[in-house]
């Protein structure tokens, strides 16, 4: 009862005439920013509503647990399995490379020996600049360019296959994971490093047991955000994966994926059933991306609590 009275009191005070020019400008700014926030969220809800309203009719266990039989029959199990395999292999390639590069640039090159020769120090500075510059450039490269690169280099070697698509997606994951890992490592207090080194630990032991542990929440968040980005990419897969109505049995087999399947449905969408199947597939893809983002938020908080409880 008291809460409702306080809310009513706040609303009355809000709608009364402002007493000064400063109060008027404050209210105007609040309304302006609130409208901007609503405008930003509207596209998300509009897309979700459009997809769910058209695709929920065909969404059932059979649609998810069976393979496609042509474009008008069967389910999308092959596409779901294909997307998971692509992202899993891409992650196994990108994560070690990015974490290793981030550790080198932040722990070895940037905090190298003070007594190292001058040319070694200058070389380390150039390495840091080159790594960060290339990561920033890759972050701005359109996805279709990655697809063209994969077509020229990976498809030429492996053909249109699972491994070609996974390696292309791994390149797209590099900027997000690398830069997020770097910033997470740099956010670790210098005192933790100095305490570890003072106790006789090596640079690698300090980086592995202390710094990485303290930065784990940010690193996991960056990895999951990178996964959430590439799992919905279509352009790189147009050039590299081919298509398969069954789950692949080897790295060199063609493979289906959820984004590519939606694209193919859109090309074949001259019938109502195929149009509905495209919307249903989109619901599954949006659901997977949503789950990955929720896990990213949960993991960052959970790991942060565990690390703090462990004394780091």
Protein backbone atom coordinates (compact mmCIF):
# COMPACT_ATOMS: atom_id res chain seq x y z
CA UNK A 1 0.00 0.00 0.00
CA UNK A 2 2.85 2.34 0.88
CA UNK A 3 4.63 1.50 -2.35
CA UNK A 4 1.59 2.42 -4.48
CA UNK A 5 1.25 5.72 -2.63
CA UNK A 6 4.91 6.56 -3.23
CA UNK A 7 4.57 5.74 -6.93
CA UNK A 8 1.46 7.94 -7.15
CA UNK A 9 3.31 10.74 -5.40
CA UNK A 10 6.25 10.46 -7.81
CA UNK A 11 3.96 10.53 -10.84
CA UNK A 12 2.16 13.62 -9.56
CA UNK A 13 5.44 15.40 -8.94
CA UNK A 14 6.61 14.43 -12.42
CA UNK A 15 3.55 15.77 -14.24
CA UNK A 16 3.37 19.03 -12.36
CA UNK A 17 4.76 22.12 -14.05
CA UNK A 18 8.52 22.50 -13.65
CA UNK A 19 9.57 25.16 -11.18
CA UNK A 20 12.71 26.23 -13.02
CA UNK A 21 14.41 26.13 -16.38
CA UNK A 22 16.96 23.64 -15.07
CA UNK A 23 14.23 21.22 -13.96
CA UNK A 24 12.54 21.57 -17.36
CA UNK A 25 15.78 20.74 -19.18
CA UNK A 26 16.37 17.79 -16.86
CA UNK A 27 12.93 16.33 -17.65
CA UNK A 28 13.37 17.00 -21.36
CA UNK A 29 16.71 15.18 -21.37
CA UNK A 30 15.21 12.24 -19.48
CA UNK A 31 12.35 11.93 -22.00
CA UNK A 32 14.74 12.24 -24.95
CA UNK A 33 17.04 9.49 -23.66
CA UNK A 34 14.08 7.25 -22.77
CA UNK A 35 12.73 7.58 -26.32
CA UNK A 36 16.16 6.68 -27.71
CA UNK A 37 16.29 3.59 -25.48
CA UNK A 38 12.85 2.49 -26.70
CA UNK A 39 13.82 3.05 -30.35
CA UNK A 40 16.92 0.90 -29.88
CA UNK A 41 14.94 -2.02 -28.45
CA UNK A 42 12.04 -1.83 -30.93
CA UNK A 43 13.85 -3.57 -33.85
CA UNK A 44 14.67 -6.56 -31.64
CA UNK A 45 11.07 -7.05 -30.50
CA UNK A 46 9.74 -6.41 -34.01
CA UNK A 47 12.03 -9.07 -35.52
CA UNK A 48 11.26 -11.61 -32.81
CA UNK A 49 7.52 -11.00 -33.09
CA UNK A 50 7.58 -11.33 -36.88
CA UNK A 51 9.59 -14.56 -36.79
CA UNK A 52 7.64 -16.18 -33.96
CA UNK A 53 4.24 -15.18 -35.36
CA UNK A 54 5.01 -16.87 -38.68
CA UNK A 55 7.15 -19.81 -37.62
CA UNK A 56 5.67 -21.25 -34.43
CA UNK A 57 3.17 -23.37 -36.43
CA UNK A 58 5.82 -25.81 -37.68
CA UNK A 59 7.97 -25.77 -34.53
CA UNK A 60 7.71 -29.22 -32.96
CA UNK A 61 10.08 -32.00 -31.82
CA UNK A 62 9.98 -33.73 -35.20
CA UNK A 63 11.09 -30.54 -36.93
CA UNK A 64 14.13 -30.29 -34.65
CA UNK A 65 15.07 -33.99 -34.33
CA UNK A 66 14.85 -35.18 -37.97
CA UNK A 67 17.00 -34.46 -41.00
CA UNK A 68 15.80 -32.62 -44.07
CA UNK A 69 14.23 -34.61 -46.89
CA UNK A 70 14.30 -32.07 -49.69
CA UNK A 71 13.33 -28.50 -48.87
CA UNK A 72 9.67 -29.15 -48.11
CA UNK A 73 9.90 -32.22 -45.86
CA UNK A 74 11.76 -33.40 -42.78
CA UNK A 75 13.36 -31.30 -40.07
CA UNK A 76 16.53 -29.29 -39.52
CA UNK A 77 18.55 -31.63 -37.33
CA UNK A 78 21.34 -31.70 -39.93
CA UNK A 79 21.54 -27.90 -39.87
CA UNK A 80 21.58 -27.73 -36.05
CA UNK A 81 24.31 -30.38 -35.81
CA UNK A 82 26.24 -28.67 -38.61
CA UNK A 83 26.17 -25.28 -36.89
CA UNK A 84 27.33 -26.82 -33.61
CA UNK A 85 30.19 -28.67 -35.31
CA UNK A 86 31.29 -25.58 -37.23
CA UNK A 87 31.38 -23.42 -34.11
CA UNK A 88 33.05 -26.13 -32.01
CA UNK A 89 35.93 -26.62 -34.46
CA UNK A 90 36.27 -22.88 -35.04
CA UNK A 91 36.49 -22.34 -31.28
CA UNK A 92 39.13 -25.04 -30.87
CA UNK A 93 41.25 -23.23 -33.46
CA UNK A 94 40.61 -19.62 -32.46
CA UNK A 95 40.64 -19.78 -28.65
CA UNK A 96 44.21 -21.14 -28.13
CA UNK A 97 45.61 -18.77 -30.78
CA UNK A 98 43.89 -15.69 -29.36
CA UNK A 99 44.59 -16.44 -25.70
CA UNK A 100 48.23 -17.22 -26.50
CA UNK A 101 48.65 -14.03 -28.51
CA UNK A 102 46.97 -11.99 -25.76
CA UNK A 103 49.25 -13.46 -23.09
CA UNK A 104 52.34 -12.71 -25.17
CA UNK A 105 51.38 -9.11 -25.96
CA UNK A 106 50.28 -8.24 -22.40
CA UNK A 107 52.56 -10.35 -20.21
CA UNK A 108 55.76 -10.89 -22.21
CA UNK A 109 56.09 -8.17 -24.84
CA UNK A 110 54.55 -5.32 -22.82
CA UNK A 111 56.00 -6.35 -19.45
CA UNK A 112 59.25 -7.84 -20.70
CA UNK A 113 62.57 -7.69 -18.94
CA UNK A 114 63.64 -4.16 -18.12
CA UNK A 115 67.27 -5.07 -18.79
CA UNK A 116 66.50 -6.43 -22.25
CA UNK A 117 68.37 -4.85 -25.11
CA UNK A 118 66.86 -1.79 -26.66
CA UNK A 119 66.21 -3.44 -30.02
CA UNK A 120 64.32 -6.25 -28.25
CA UNK A 121 62.12 -3.71 -26.47
CA UNK A 122 61.43 -1.89 -29.72
CA UNK A 123 60.63 -5.18 -31.45
CA UNK A 124 58.14 -6.06 -28.71
CA UNK A 125 56.44 -2.67 -29.11
CA UNK A 126 56.10 -3.23 -32.85
CA UNK A 127 54.71 -6.71 -32.29
CA UNK A 128 52.04 -5.30 -29.95
CA UNK A 129 51.12 -2.58 -32.45
CA UNK A 130 50.88 -5.01 -35.36
CA UNK A 131 48.78 -7.55 -33.44
CA UNK A 132 46.35 -4.93 -32.14
CA UNK A 133 46.13 -3.15 -35.51
CA UNK A 134 45.39 -6.35 -37.42
CA UNK A 135 42.79 -7.39 -34.83
CA UNK A 136 41.05 -4.01 -35.13
CA UNK A 137 41.10 -4.22 -38.94
CA UNK A 138 39.71 -7.76 -38.91
CA UNK A 139 36.89 -6.61 -36.63
CA UNK A 140 35.76 -4.18 -39.34
CA UNK A 141 36.11 -6.52 -42.34
CA UNK A 142 32.72 -7.52 -43.82
CA UNK A 143 31.84 -11.17 -43.38
CA UNK A 144 31.57 -11.72 -47.12
CA UNK A 145 35.26 -10.85 -47.42
CA UNK A 146 36.06 -13.65 -44.98
CA UNK A 147 33.99 -15.92 -47.20
CA UNK A 148 35.93 -14.89 -50.29
CA UNK A 149 39.20 -15.48 -48.42
CA UNK A 150 38.02 -18.92 -47.32
CA UNK A 151 37.04 -19.73 -50.90
CA UNK A 152 40.48 -18.83 -52.22
CA UNK A 153 42.62 -20.44 -49.52
CA UNK A 154 40.65 -23.11 -47.66
CA UNK A 155 38.24 -24.37 -50.32
CA UNK A 156 41.15 -24.63 -52.75
CA UNK A 157 42.77 -27.11 -50.35
CA UNK A 158 39.87 -28.89 -48.62
CA UNK A 159 36.95 -28.28 -51.00
CA UNK A 160 33.58 -27.06 -49.74
CA UNK A 161 33.58 -28.83 -46.43
CA UNK A 162 33.23 -28.70 -42.68
CA UNK A 163 36.89 -27.85 -42.10
CA UNK A 164 36.90 -25.04 -44.68
CA UNK A 165 33.86 -23.40 -43.11
CA UNK A 166 35.20 -23.85 -39.56
CA UNK A 167 38.57 -22.29 -40.39
CA UNK A 168 36.81 -19.32 -42.00
CA UNK A 169 34.66 -18.81 -38.90
CA UNK A 170 37.78 -19.11 -36.72
CA UNK A 171 39.25 -16.10 -38.49
CA UNK A 172 36.09 -14.14 -37.73
CA UNK A 173 36.33 -15.03 -34.03
CA UNK A 174 39.89 -13.74 -33.66
CA UNK A 175 39.19 -9.99 -33.20
CA UNK A 176 36.55 -10.43 -30.49
CA UNK A 177 38.40 -13.05 -28.45
CA UNK A 178 41.83 -11.44 -28.82
CA UNK A 179 40.85 -7.90 -27.87
CA UNK A 180 38.54 -9.04 -25.05
CA UNK A 181 41.27 -11.26 -23.62
CA UNK A 182 43.82 -8.46 -23.84
CA UNK A 183 41.60 -6.01 -22.01
CA UNK A 184 40.72 -8.62 -19.37
CA UNK A 185 44.41 -9.36 -18.73
CA UNK A 186 45.29 -5.67 -18.55
CA UNK A 187 42.54 -5.12 -15.98
CA UNK A 188 44.25 -7.50 -13.54
CA UNK A 189 46.06 -5.42 -10.86
CA UNK A 190 49.82 -5.25 -11.23
CA UNK A 191 50.19 -6.05 -7.54
CA UNK A 192 49.03 -9.64 -8.16
CA UNK A 193 51.80 -10.15 -10.69
CA UNK A 194 54.42 -8.59 -8.44
CA UNK A 195 53.33 -10.71 -5.47
CA UNK A 196 53.54 -13.90 -7.53
CA UNK A 197 56.96 -13.03 -8.94
CA UNK A 198 58.21 -12.05 -5.49
CA UNK A 199 57.34 -15.53 -4.24
CA UNK A 200 59.60 -17.03 -6.91
CA UNK A 201 57.07 -17.89 -9.61
CA UNK A 202 58.11 -17.65 -13.25
CA UNK A 203 56.42 -15.35 -15.74
CA UNK A 204 54.57 -18.26 -17.31
CA UNK A 205 53.45 -19.63 -13.95
CA UNK A 206 52.24 -16.18 -12.94
CA UNK A 207 50.38 -15.73 -16.22
CA UNK A 208 48.78 -19.19 -16.09
CA UNK A 209 47.94 -19.55 -12.40
CA UNK A 210 47.28 -15.95 -11.34
CA UNK A 211 46.58 -13.56 -14.21
CA UNK A 212 44.48 -15.89 -16.35
CA UNK A 213 42.47 -16.98 -13.34
CA UNK A 214 41.71 -13.39 -12.37
CA UNK A 215 40.75 -12.49 -15.96
CA UNK A 216 38.74 -15.66 -16.62
CA UNK A 217 35.33 -14.00 -16.41
CA UNK A 218 36.12 -11.49 -19.14
CA UNK A 219 37.79 -14.11 -21.33
CA UNK A 220 34.79 -16.46 -21.15
CA UNK A 221 32.46 -13.58 -21.96
CA UNK A 222 34.51 -12.68 -25.02
CA UNK A 223 34.56 -16.28 -26.22
CA UNK A 224 30.80 -16.68 -25.88
CA UNK A 225 30.12 -13.37 -27.58
CA UNK A 226 32.35 -14.43 -30.48
CA UNK A 227 30.44 -17.71 -30.70
CA UNK A 228 27.15 -15.83 -30.67
CA UNK A 229 28.37 -13.71 -33.56
CA UNK A 230 29.69 -16.41 -35.89
CA UNK A 231 26.88 -18.91 -35.31
CA UNK A 232 24.52 -16.61 -37.18
CA UNK A 233 26.87 -15.73 -40.06
CA UNK A 234 25.73 -16.70 -43.53
CA UNK A 235 28.07 -15.02 -46.03
CA UNK A 236 31.24 -16.99 -45.12
CA UNK A 237 29.35 -20.28 -45.35
CA UNK A 238 27.97 -19.53 -48.83
CA UNK A 239 31.47 -19.95 -50.22
CA UNK A 240 32.98 -22.64 -48.03
CA UNK A 241 30.64 -25.33 -46.66
CA UNK A 242 28.41 -26.52 -49.48
CA UNK A 243 25.21 -28.20 -48.28
CA UNK A 244 24.33 -31.63 -46.96
CA UNK A 245 20.93 -33.14 -46.17
CA UNK A 246 22.62 -35.31 -43.54
CA UNK A 247 25.10 -34.65 -40.75
CA UNK A 248 28.72 -34.82 -41.99
CA UNK A 249 30.78 -37.91 -41.29
CA UNK A 250 34.19 -36.31 -41.81
CA UNK A 251 36.02 -33.00 -41.92
CA UNK A 252 36.02 -33.00 -45.72
CA UNK A 253 32.26 -33.56 -46.10
CA UNK A 254 29.88 -30.78 -47.08
CA UNK A 255 27.76 -29.54 -44.19
CA UNK A 256 24.49 -27.75 -43.57
CA UNK A 257 24.07 -24.88 -41.10
CA UNK A 258 21.13 -22.91 -39.75
CA UNK A 259 21.94 -19.57 -41.45
CA UNK A 260 22.68 -21.22 -44.79
CA UNK A 261 19.47 -23.26 -44.52
CA UNK A 262 17.44 -20.10 -43.96
CA UNK A 263 19.11 -18.57 -47.01
CA UNK A 264 18.23 -21.58 -49.15
CA UNK A 265 14.64 -21.50 -47.91
CA UNK A 266 14.47 -17.84 -48.87
CA UNK A 267 15.65 -18.68 -52.40
CA UNK A 268 13.06 -21.45 -52.67
CA UNK A 269 10.33 -19.48 -50.90
CA UNK A 270 7.77 -19.52 -53.71
CA UNK A 271 5.54 -21.84 -51.65
CA UNK A 272 3.92 -21.18 -48.28
CA UNK A 273 5.34 -24.29 -46.59
CA UNK A 274 8.95 -23.33 -47.41
CA UNK A 275 8.37 -19.78 -46.19
CA UNK A 276 7.05 -21.12 -42.88
CA UNK A 277 10.00 -23.51 -42.59
CA UNK A 278 12.36 -20.55 -43.01
CA UNK A 279 10.67 -18.73 -40.16
CA UNK A 280 10.75 -21.83 -37.95
CA UNK A 281 14.45 -22.30 -38.62
CA UNK A 282 15.00 -18.64 -37.75
CA UNK A 283 13.28 -19.19 -34.39
CA UNK A 284 15.72 -22.00 -33.59
CA UNK A 285 18.70 -19.86 -34.60
CA UNK A 286 17.53 -16.86 -32.57
CA UNK A 287 16.93 -19.17 -29.61
CA UNK A 288 20.47 -20.56 -29.79
CA UNK A 289 22.01 -17.08 -30.02
CA UNK A 290 19.85 -15.94 -27.10
CA UNK A 291 20.96 -18.90 -24.98
CA UNK A 292 24.62 -18.21 -25.79
CA UNK A 293 24.25 -14.56 -24.77
CA UNK A 294 22.49 -15.51 -21.53
CA UNK A 295 25.25 -18.00 -20.74
CA UNK A 296 27.84 -15.28 -21.41
CA UNK A 297 26.22 -12.96 -18.88
CA UNK A 298 25.74 -15.75 -16.33
CA UNK A 299 29.27 -17.11 -16.77
CA UNK A 300 30.90 -13.71 -16.36
CA UNK A 301 29.08 -13.16 -13.06
CA UNK A 302 29.47 -16.73 -11.82
CA UNK A 303 33.17 -17.02 -12.62
CA UNK A 304 33.79 -13.59 -11.14
CA UNK A 305 32.16 -14.69 -7.87
CA UNK A 306 34.16 -17.93 -7.82
CA UNK A 307 37.43 -16.09 -8.43
CA UNK A 308 36.73 -13.55 -5.70
CA UNK A 309 35.76 -16.36 -3.31
CA UNK A 310 39.06 -18.07 -4.11
CA UNK A 311 41.00 -15.05 -2.96
CA UNK A 312 42.13 -13.66 -6.30
